[in-house]
Amino acid sequence: MTRIGLAPVLGYLILEEDFNVALGVFALAGLTDLLDGFIARNWANQKSALGSALDPLADKILISILYVSLTYADLIPVPLTYMIISRDVMLIAAVFYVRYRTLPTPRTLSKYFNPCYATARLKPTLISKVNTAVQLILVAASLAAPVFNYADSIYLQILWCFTALTTAASAYSYYHYGRKTVQVINGK
């Protein structure tokens, strides 16, 4: 929930070009993500279906707001942001489709949108995990660029290309291995 709440704050800070504070808030969002994962892995009674649904949602919201804001601030190119958000929209649409297909009849809106009623689990591919890390590294590097005065660096442009490559590879991996990445939960 903290990451979801910090996402619009980060967007605002970037639009206001307060990159020093934005970099700190981004680090805070990263720490809350690490803490959330640590707690979920080490205390079984702290895992929940709602938390499992909110974690990737928080990531998508944070990534989307950061990329749009950084693109508006001319720190990330428009085609790269379009590519990342398009991939995420396609993944979300696929998740909605899988949710519909795995929901037992009668399918109701209350069952469909109840995150505690799990019917399938999406297992991220290795390249998708790498892509998420690369996207976050690009965000951190882009936020730091105006602070440390390297916005025109060739290394940042190389990172744009690497991010585009891993994003395309991740999208392809979900397309190619689609059925293998979805685990249907029986008995629901």
Foldseek 3Di string as FASTA:
>chain_A
DLLQVCQVVLLVCLLVVVLVVSLVSLVVSVVVLVVLVVCVVPPVVPDALVSLVVNVVSLLSNLLSLLVSLVVSVLAPPVLSVLLNVLVVVVVVVVLVVLVVQDDPPDDPCLSPDSRNDFKDFAQDPLRVVLSVLSSVLSSCSSCCVVVVNSVPVVSVVSSVVSSVSSVVRSVCCVVCVVVRMGTDPDD
